[in-house]
Amino acid sequence: MSFRREELRANLEQAQERIEKACQAAGRARDEVTLVAITKTFPVSDVRALADLGITDVGENREQELKTKAPDCPDLSWHFVGQLQSKKSRSVVRYASAVHSVDRSALVEALSKAAVAEEKSLRCLIQVSLATYGSADAATGASRGGVAPADVPALAAEIATADGLELGGVMAVAPLGSDPEQAFAGLRDVASRLRSEHPAANWISAGMTGDLEAAIKHGATHVRLGRALLGTRTLLG
């Protein structure tokens, strides 16, 4: 076994242990939480190694990396988790089964058109801004993207009625400088209200390396881990 593979194996074991402990503390079953490996800036060889170690779900922040890596690992479930320009929707839809960062009507329209053209169903999560929760400065929190909680129902209705799209739930990033407990408690409430209107929209994509425990405590179904699995990110040239 190569040094890199052994490093990834050890990191994955530690991450799985953290998730297991967080689920136990929250009184939840481990199989309620999916680990999505975020491989931004890392080579496809790392993706293959993680797949060999049991990872089934992989996420990318950039369309360019998604379309480069996904064809080499078609057996994995690919998630797009970054900010998406409408003009790149067709490329993302071709390779991803879920987009976690839907934040505007124009993107809903573009993704719907692309999904119909690709003859596939795309799961869409609404990215929610948690800037109003916790102690974060509102402007700082908003910079992490997403729609205001009050705007979620209208965008959800658009996704739910769009051809080729499936309303999957919500996604969020805890605001910088905030208490993730308060932020994710707020997201849990948004998700609960969404499910009251759309019962099948049961995904909550929340929690990263630094705050996965708080996210799981407040109902996260998908945690997005990069650094915990792959280490410090490399810089693209």
C-alpha atoms as a PDB file:
ATOM      1  CA  MET A   1       0.000   0.000   0.000  1.00  0.00           C
ATOM      2  CA  SER A   2       1.358   3.401  -1.008  1.00  0.00           C
ATOM      3  CA  PHE A   3       2.002   6.112   1.563  1.00  0.00           C
ATOM      4  CA  ARG A   4      -0.795   8.270   0.106  1.00  0.00           C
ATOM      5  CA  ARG A   5      -3.307   5.431   0.193  1.00  0.00           C
ATOM      6  CA  GLU A   6      -2.383   4.660   3.795  1.00  0.00           C
ATOM      7  CA  GLU A   7      -2.750   8.348   4.665  1.00  0.00           C
ATOM      8  CA  LEU A   8      -6.205   8.454   3.095  1.00  0.00           C
ATOM      9  CA  ARG A   9      -7.208   5.237   4.838  1.00  0.00           C
ATOM     10  CA  ALA A  10      -6.184   6.628   8.235  1.00  0.00           C
ATOM     11  CA  ASN A  11      -7.960   9.927   7.571  1.00  0.00           C
ATOM     12  CA  LEU A  12     -11.121   8.140   6.482  1.00  0.00           C
ATOM     13  CA  GLU A  13     -11.127   5.950   9.585  1.00  0.00           C
ATOM     14  CA  GLN A  14     -10.821   9.023  11.807  1.00  0.00           C
ATOM     15  CA  ALA A  15     -13.582  10.835   9.922  1.00  0.00           C
ATOM     16  CA  GLN A  16     -15.889   7.826  10.133  1.00  0.00           C
ATOM     17  CA  GLU A  17     -15.212   7.584  13.860  1.00  0.00           C
ATOM     18  CA  ARG A  18     -16.145  11.245  14.327  1.00  0.00           C
ATOM     19  CA  ILE A  19     -19.369  10.746  12.393  1.00  0.00           C
ATOM     20  CA  GLU A  20     -20.209   7.604  14.362  1.00  0.00           C
ATOM     21  CA  LYS A  21     -19.652   9.356  17.687  1.00  0.00           C
ATOM     22  CA  ALA A  22     -21.686  12.378  16.568  1.00  0.00           C
ATOM     23  CA  CYS A  23     -24.564  10.115  15.534  1.00  0.00           C
ATOM     24  CA  GLN A  24     -24.460   8.310  18.862  1.00  0.00           C
ATOM     25  CA  ALA A  25     -24.482  11.604  20.760  1.00  0.00           C
ATOM     26  CA  ALA A  26     -27.470  12.776  18.729  1.00  0.00           C
ATOM     27  CA  GLY A  27     -29.356   9.502  19.135  1.00  0.00           C
ATOM     28  CA  ARG A  28     -29.236   8.871  15.416  1.00  0.00           C
ATOM     29  CA  ALA A  29     -28.355   5.792  13.356  1.00  0.00           C
ATOM     30  CA  ARG A  30     -25.063   5.969  11.496  1.00  0.00           C
ATOM     31  CA  ASP A  31     -26.735   5.135   8.199  1.00  0.00           C
ATOM     32  CA  GLU A  32     -28.736   8.362   8.406  1.00  0.00           C
ATOM     33  CA  VAL A  33     -25.618  10.364   7.459  1.00  0.00           C
ATOM     34  CA  THR A  34     -23.808  10.179   4.111  1.00  0.00           C
ATOM     35  CA  LEU A  35     -20.175  11.248   3.890  1.00  0.00           C
ATOM     36  CA  VAL A  36     -19.506  13.253   0.729  1.00  0.00           C
ATOM     37  CA  ALA A  37     -15.777  13.508  -0.001  1.00  0.00           C
ATOM     38  CA  ILE A  38     -14.917  16.956  -1.380  1.00  0.00           C
ATOM     39  CA  THR A  39     -11.912  16.488  -3.650  1.00  0.00           C
ATOM     40  CA  LYS A  40     -11.423  20.065  -4.875  1.00  0.00           C
ATOM     41  CA  THR A  41      -7.840  20.574  -6.167  1.00  0.00           C
ATOM     42  CA  PHE A  42      -6.858  16.946  -5.499  1.00  0.00           C
ATOM     43  CA  PRO A  43      -6.067  14.482  -8.310  1.00  0.00           C
ATOM     44  CA  VAL A  44      -8.369  11.778  -9.592  1.00  0.00           C
ATOM     45  CA  SER A  45      -5.951   9.206  -8.176  1.00  0.00           C
ATOM     46  CA  ASP A  46      -7.103  10.307  -4.711  1.00  0.00           C
ATOM     47  CA  VAL A  47     -10.715   9.873  -5.783  1.00  0.00           C
ATOM     48  CA  ARG A  48     -10.013   6.331  -6.958  1.00  0.00           C
ATOM     49  CA  ALA A  49      -8.173   5.532  -3.726  1.00  0.00           C
ATOM     50  CA  LEU A  50     -11.078   6.799  -1.632  1.00  0.00           C
ATOM     51  CA  ALA A  51     -13.492   4.758  -3.736  1.00  0.00           C
ATOM     52  CA  ASP A  52     -11.390   1.658  -3.133  1.00  0.00           C
ATOM     53  CA  LEU A  53     -11.606   2.445   0.593  1.00  0.00           C
ATOM     54  CA  GLY A  54     -15.399   2.552   0.505  1.00  0.00           C
ATOM     55  CA  ILE A  55     -16.354   6.128  -0.414  1.00  0.00           C
ATOM     56  CA  THR A  56     -19.397   6.184  -2.692  1.00  0.00           C
ATOM     57  CA  ASP A  57     -20.219   9.905  -2.842  1.00  0.00           C
ATOM     58  CA  VAL A  58     -17.846  12.596  -4.102  1.00  0.00           C
ATOM     59  CA  GLY A  59     -18.374  16.336  -4.387  1.00  0.00           C
ATOM     60  CA  GLU A  60     -16.750  19.025  -6.484  1.00  0.00           C
ATOM     61  CA  ASN A  61     -16.876  22.815  -6.209  1.00  0.00           C
ATOM     62  CA  ARG A  62     -15.814  23.558  -9.776  1.00  0.00           C
ATOM     63  CA  GLU A  63     -17.346  22.509 -13.059  1.00  0.00           C
ATOM     64  CA  GLN A  64     -13.922  22.099 -14.662  1.00  0.00           C
ATOM     65  CA  GLU A  65     -12.815  19.555 -12.080  1.00  0.00           C
ATOM     66  CA  LEU A  66     -16.122  17.716 -12.143  1.00  0.00           C
ATOM     67  CA  LYS A  67     -16.033  17.126 -15.881  1.00  0.00           C
ATOM     68  CA  THR A  68     -12.378  16.074 -15.698  1.00  0.00           C
ATOM     69  CA  LYS A  69     -12.697  13.577 -12.830  1.00  0.00           C
ATOM     70  CA  ALA A  70     -16.204  12.143 -13.117  1.00  0.00           C
ATOM     71  CA  PRO A  71     -15.686  10.239 -16.383  1.00  0.00           C
ATOM     72  CA  ASP A  72     -12.814   8.319 -14.760  1.00  0.00           C
ATOM     73  CA  CYS A  73     -15.021   7.250 -11.820  1.00  0.00           C
ATOM     74  CA  PRO A  74     -18.513   6.742 -13.278  1.00  0.00           C
ATOM     75  CA  ASP A  75     -19.515   4.276 -10.565  1.00  0.00           C
ATOM     76  CA  LEU A  76     -19.536   7.023  -7.918  1.00  0.00           C
ATOM     77  CA  SER A  77     -22.358   9.412  -7.059  1.00  0.00           C
ATOM     78  CA  TRP A  78     -21.117  12.893  -7.964  1.00  0.00           C
ATOM     79  CA  HIS A  79     -22.380  15.980  -6.159  1.00  0.00           C
ATOM     80  CA  PHE A  80     -21.817  19.552  -7.282  1.00  0.00           C
ATOM     81  CA  VAL A  81     -21.513  21.753  -4.193  1.00  0.00           C
ATOM     82  CA  GLY A  82     -20.042  25.054  -5.417  1.00  0.00           C
ATOM     83  CA  GLN A  83     -21.456  28.249  -6.826  1.00  0.00           C
ATOM     84  CA  LEU A  84     -22.642  27.540 -10.363  1.00  0.00           C
ATOM     85  CA  GLN A  85     -22.901  29.812 -13.366  1.00  0.00           C
ATOM     86  CA  SER A  86     -26.037  29.109 -15.363  1.00  0.00           C
ATOM     87  CA  LYS A  87     -24.023  28.735 -18.580  1.00  0.00           C
ATOM     88  CA  LYS A  88     -22.195  25.740 -17.104  1.00  0.00           C
ATOM     89  CA  SER A  89     -25.366  23.900 -16.098  1.00  0.00           C
ATOM     90  CA  ARG A  90     -25.323  21.463 -19.038  1.00  0.00           C
ATOM     91  CA  SER A  91     -21.818  20.269 -18.182  1.00  0.00           C
ATOM     92  CA  VAL A  92     -22.621  19.835 -14.487  1.00  0.00           C
ATOM     93  CA  VAL A  93     -25.881  18.023 -15.187  1.00  0.00           C
ATOM     94  CA  ARG A  94     -24.089  15.622 -17.509  1.00  0.00           C
ATOM     95  CA  TYR A  95     -21.948  14.294 -14.658  1.00  0.00           C
ATOM     96  CA  ALA A  96     -23.624  15.108 -11.328  1.00  0.00           C
ATOM     97  CA  SER A  97     -26.625  13.403  -9.767  1.00  0.00           C
ATOM     98  CA  ALA A  98     -27.198  16.269  -7.320  1.00  0.00           C
ATOM     99  CA  VAL A  99     -26.536  19.998  -7.175  1.00  0.00           C
ATOM    100  CA  HIS A 100     -26.387  21.334  -3.605  1.00  0.00           C
ATOM    101  CA  SER A 101     -26.101  25.036  -4.409  1.00  0.00           C
ATOM    102  CA  VAL A 102     -29.282  26.159  -6.170  1.00  0.00           C
ATOM    103  CA  ASP A 103     -29.815  29.770  -5.173  1.00  0.00           C
ATOM    104  CA  ARG A 104     -31.813  31.573  -7.872  1.00  0.00           C
ATOM    105  CA  SER A 105     -34.606  31.207 -10.399  1.00  0.00           C
ATOM    106  CA  ALA A 106     -32.322  31.596 -13.410  1.00  0.00           C
ATOM    107  CA  LEU A 107     -30.287  28.608 -12.266  1.00  0.00           C
ATOM    108  CA  VAL A 108     -33.437  26.514 -11.797  1.00  0.00           C
ATOM    109  CA  GLU A 109     -34.401  27.294 -15.385  1.00  0.00           C
ATOM    110  CA  ALA A 110     -30.948  26.463 -16.723  1.00  0.00           C
ATOM    111  CA  LEU A 111     -30.689  23.194 -14.777  1.00  0.00           C
ATOM    112  CA  SER A 112     -34.165  22.148 -15.886  1.00  0.00           C
ATOM    113  CA  LYS A 113     -33.317  22.761 -19.515  1.00  0.00           C
ATOM    114  CA  ALA A 114     -30.067  20.822 -19.153  1.00  0.00           C
ATOM    115  CA  ALA A 115     -31.699  17.896 -17.331  1.00  0.00           C
ATOM    116  CA  VAL A 116     -34.327  17.563 -20.041  1.00  0.00           C
ATOM    117  CA  ALA A 117     -31.638  17.675 -22.728  1.00  0.00           C
ATOM    118  CA  GLU A 118     -29.606  15.015 -20.905  1.00  0.00           C
ATOM    119  CA  GLU A 119     -32.749  12.939 -20.286  1.00  0.00           C
ATOM    120  CA  LYS A 120     -32.059  12.582 -16.595  1.00  0.00           C
ATOM    121  CA  SER A 121     -33.480  13.580 -13.228  1.00  0.00           C
ATOM    122  CA  LEU A 122     -31.354  15.938 -11.170  1.00  0.00           C
ATOM    123  CA  ARG A 123     -31.702  16.310  -7.415  1.00  0.00           C
ATOM    124  CA  CYS A 124     -31.521  19.964  -6.397  1.00  0.00           C
ATOM    125  CA  LEU A 125     -30.860  21.373  -2.933  1.00  0.00           C
ATOM    126  CA  ILE A 126     -31.561  24.980  -2.065  1.00  0.00           C
ATOM    127  CA  GLN A 127     -28.531  26.719  -0.617  1.00  0.00           C
ATOM    128  CA  VAL A 128     -29.703  28.696   2.415  1.00  0.00           C
ATOM    129  CA  SER A 129     -27.866  31.687   3.843  1.00  0.00           C
ATOM    130  CA  LEU A 130     -27.512  31.322   7.604  1.00  0.00           C
ATOM    131  CA  ALA A 131     -26.210  34.872   8.060  1.00  0.00           C
ATOM    132  CA  THR A 132     -29.099  35.770  10.359  1.00  0.00           C
ATOM    133  CA  TYR A 133     -28.323  32.934  12.775  1.00  0.00           C
ATOM    134  CA  GLY A 134     -25.651  32.844  15.447  1.00  0.00           C
ATOM    135  CA  SER A 135     -23.306  35.729  16.190  1.00  0.00           C
ATOM    136  CA  ALA A 136     -21.831  36.243  12.733  1.00  0.00           C
ATOM    137  CA  ASP A 137     -21.736  39.593  11.058  1.00  0.00           C
ATOM    138  CA  ALA A 138     -24.519  39.483   8.483  1.00  0.00           C
ATOM    139  CA  ALA A 139     -22.373  40.669   5.594  1.00  0.00           C
ATOM    140  CA  THR A 140     -19.693  38.099   6.364  1.00  0.00           C
ATOM    141  CA  GLY A 141     -22.200  35.288   6.559  1.00  0.00           C
ATOM    142  CA  ALA A 142     -23.958  36.306   3.374  1.00  0.00           C
ATOM    143  CA  SER A 143     -20.680  36.096   1.497  1.00  0.00           C
ATOM    144  CA  ARG A 144     -20.858  32.318   1.834  1.00  0.00           C
ATOM    145  CA  GLY A 145     -23.859  32.225  -0.485  1.00  0.00           C
ATOM    146  CA  GLY A 146     -27.472  31.156  -0.446  1.00  0.00           C
ATOM    147  CA  VAL A 147     -30.993  32.535  -0.301  1.00  0.00           C
ATOM    148  CA  ALA A 148     -32.609  33.993   2.771  1.00  0.00           C
ATOM    149  CA  PRO A 149     -34.757  31.514   4.734  1.00  0.00           C
ATOM    150  CA  ALA A 150     -37.871  33.528   3.862  1.00  0.00           C
ATOM    151  CA  ASP A 151     -37.196  32.991   0.155  1.00  0.00           C
ATOM    152  CA  VAL A 152     -36.892  29.209   0.367  1.00  0.00           C
ATOM    153  CA  PRO A 153     -40.599  28.349  -0.196  1.00  0.00           C
ATOM    154  CA  ALA A 154     -40.835  30.245  -3.482  1.00  0.00           C
ATOM    155  CA  LEU A 155     -37.637  28.759  -4.883  1.00  0.00           C
ATOM    156  CA  ALA A 156     -38.698  25.304  -3.696  1.00  0.00           C
ATOM    157  CA  ALA A 157     -41.959  25.621  -5.611  1.00  0.00           C
ATOM    158  CA  GLU A 158     -40.053  26.499  -8.766  1.00  0.00           C
ATOM    159  CA  ILE A 159     -37.777  23.464  -8.440  1.00  0.00           C
ATOM    160  CA  ALA A 160     -40.645  21.118  -7.572  1.00  0.00           C
ATOM    161  CA  THR A 161     -42.525  22.025 -10.756  1.00  0.00           C
ATOM    162  CA  ALA A 162     -39.536  22.220 -13.114  1.00  0.00           C
ATOM    163  CA  ASP A 163     -39.087  19.466 -15.686  1.00  0.00           C
ATOM    164  CA  GLY A 164     -36.179  17.151 -14.989  1.00  0.00           C
ATOM    165  CA  LEU A 165     -35.593  18.396 -11.449  1.00  0.00           C
ATOM    166  CA  GLU A 166     -36.298  16.831  -8.066  1.00  0.00           C
ATOM    167  CA  LEU A 167     -36.459  18.979  -4.945  1.00  0.00           C
ATOM    168  CA  GLY A 168     -34.032  17.271  -2.593  1.00  0.00           C
ATOM    169  CA  GLY A 169     -33.809  19.551   0.443  1.00  0.00           C
ATOM    170  CA  VAL A 170     -31.440  22.242   1.693  1.00  0.00           C
ATOM    171  CA  MET A 171     -27.733  22.944   1.965  1.00  0.00           C
ATOM    172  CA  ALA A 172     -25.827  25.518   3.988  1.00  0.00           C
ATOM    173  CA  VAL A 173     -22.411  26.581   5.211  1.00  0.00           C
ATOM    174  CA  ALA A 174     -22.134  27.926   8.752  1.00  0.00           C
ATOM    175  CA  PRO A 175     -21.356  31.665   8.632  1.00  0.00           C
ATOM    176  CA  LEU A 176     -17.780  32.673   9.353  1.00  0.00           C
ATOM    177  CA  GLY A 177     -17.352  33.571  13.002  1.00  0.00           C
ATOM    178  CA  SER A 178     -20.723  32.186  14.006  1.00  0.00           C
ATOM    179  CA  ASP A 179     -21.762  29.561  16.520  1.00  0.00           C
ATOM    180  CA  PRO A 180     -22.419  26.543  14.259  1.00  0.00           C
ATOM    181  CA  GLU A 181     -24.861  25.162  16.827  1.00  0.00           C
ATOM    182  CA  GLN A 182     -27.151  28.160  16.363  1.00  0.00           C
ATOM    183  CA  ALA A 183     -26.630  28.272  12.612  1.00  0.00           C
ATOM    184  CA  PHE A 184     -27.470  24.616  12.052  1.00  0.00           C
ATOM    185  CA  ALA A 185     -30.407  24.775  14.459  1.00  0.00           C
ATOM    186  CA  GLY A 186     -31.757  27.514  12.201  1.00  0.00           C
ATOM    187  CA  LEU A 187     -31.192  25.360   9.124  1.00  0.00           C
ATOM    188  CA  ARG A 188     -33.002  22.482  10.813  1.00  0.00           C
ATOM    189  CA  ASP A 189     -36.042  24.722  11.240  1.00  0.00           C
ATOM    190  CA  VAL A 190     -35.906  25.809   7.587  1.00  0.00           C
ATOM    191  CA  ALA A 191     -35.661  22.166   6.524  1.00  0.00           C
ATOM    192  CA  SER A 192     -38.596  21.185   8.716  1.00  0.00           C
ATOM    193  CA  ARG A 193     -40.815  23.865   7.203  1.00  0.00           C
ATOM    194  CA  LEU A 194     -39.763  22.783   3.716  1.00  0.00           C
ATOM    195  CA  ARG A 195     -40.652  19.143   4.429  1.00  0.00           C
ATOM    196  CA  SER A 196     -44.095  20.183   5.638  1.00  0.00           C
ATOM    197  CA  GLU A 197     -44.805  21.308   2.061  1.00  0.00           C
ATOM    198  CA  HIS A 198     -42.547  18.844   0.234  1.00  0.00           C
ATOM    199  CA  PRO A 199     -42.198  15.642   2.303  1.00  0.00           C
ATOM    200  CA  ALA A 200     -39.662  14.038  -0.047  1.00  0.00           C
ATOM    201  CA  ALA A 201     -37.238  16.976   0.290  1.00  0.00           C
ATOM    202  CA  ASN A 202     -35.455  15.341   3.204  1.00  0.00           C
ATOM    203  CA  TRP A 203     -31.764  16.024   2.551  1.00  0.00           C
ATOM    204  CA  ILE A 204     -29.899  18.426   4.821  1.00  0.00           C
ATOM    205  CA  SER A 205     -26.411  18.982   3.438  1.00  0.00           C
ATOM    206  CA  ALA A 206     -24.472  20.640   6.243  1.00  0.00           C
ATOM    207  CA  GLY A 207     -21.266  20.264   8.165  1.00  0.00           C
ATOM    208  CA  MET A 208     -17.663  20.259   7.075  1.00  0.00           C
ATOM    209  CA  THR A 209     -14.390  19.288   8.735  1.00  0.00           C
ATOM    210  CA  GLY A 210     -14.623  21.870  11.506  1.00  0.00           C
ATOM    211  CA  ASP A 211     -18.285  21.589  12.430  1.00  0.00           C
ATOM    212  CA  LEU A 212     -19.649  18.204  11.397  1.00  0.00           C
ATOM    213  CA  GLU A 213     -20.665  17.300  14.971  1.00  0.00           C
ATOM    214  CA  ALA A 214     -22.923  20.346  15.273  1.00  0.00           C
ATOM    215  CA  ALA A 215     -24.448  19.639  11.863  1.00  0.00           C
ATOM    216  CA  ILE A 216     -25.231  16.014  12.707  1.00  0.00           C
ATOM    217  CA  LYS A 217     -26.724  17.071  16.032  1.00  0.00           C
ATOM    218  CA  HIS A 218     -29.153  19.259  14.113  1.00  0.00           C
ATOM    219  CA  GLY A 219     -30.194  16.745  11.486  1.00  0.00           C
ATOM    220  CA  ALA A 220     -27.606  16.787   8.696  1.00  0.00           C
ATOM    221  CA  THR A 221     -28.082  13.883   6.301  1.00  0.00           C
ATOM    222  CA  HIS A 222     -24.965  14.692   4.259  1.00  0.00           C
ATOM    223  CA  VAL A 223     -21.658  16.033   5.577  1.00  0.00           C
ATOM    224  CA  ARG A 224     -19.117  17.433   3.132  1.00  0.00           C
ATOM    225  CA  LEU A 225     -15.552  16.632   4.142  1.00  0.00           C
ATOM    226  CA  GLY A 226     -12.430  17.774   2.333  1.00  0.00           C
ATOM    227  CA  ARG A 227      -9.550  18.575   4.672  1.00  0.00           C
ATOM    228  CA  ALA A 228     -10.444  15.805   7.126  1.00  0.00           C
ATOM    229  CA  LEU A 229      -9.975  13.231   4.371  1.00  0.00           C
ATOM    230  CA  LEU A 230      -7.434  14.694   1.989  1.00  0.00           C
ATOM    231  CA  GLY A 231      -5.385  17.088   4.072  1.00  0.00           C
ATOM    232  CA  THR A 232      -4.453  20.688   3.286  1.00  0.00           C
ATOM    233  CA  ARG A 233      -5.564  21.724  -0.159  1.00  0.00           C
ATOM    234  CA  THR A 234      -3.036  22.256  -2.914  1.00  0.00           C
ATOM    235  CA  LEU A 235      -3.110  25.377  -5.059  1.00  0.00           C
ATOM    236  CA  LEU A 236      -4.046  25.092  -8.706  1.00  0.00           C
ATOM    237  CA  GLY A 237      -1.688  26.649 -11.164  1.00  0.00           C
END
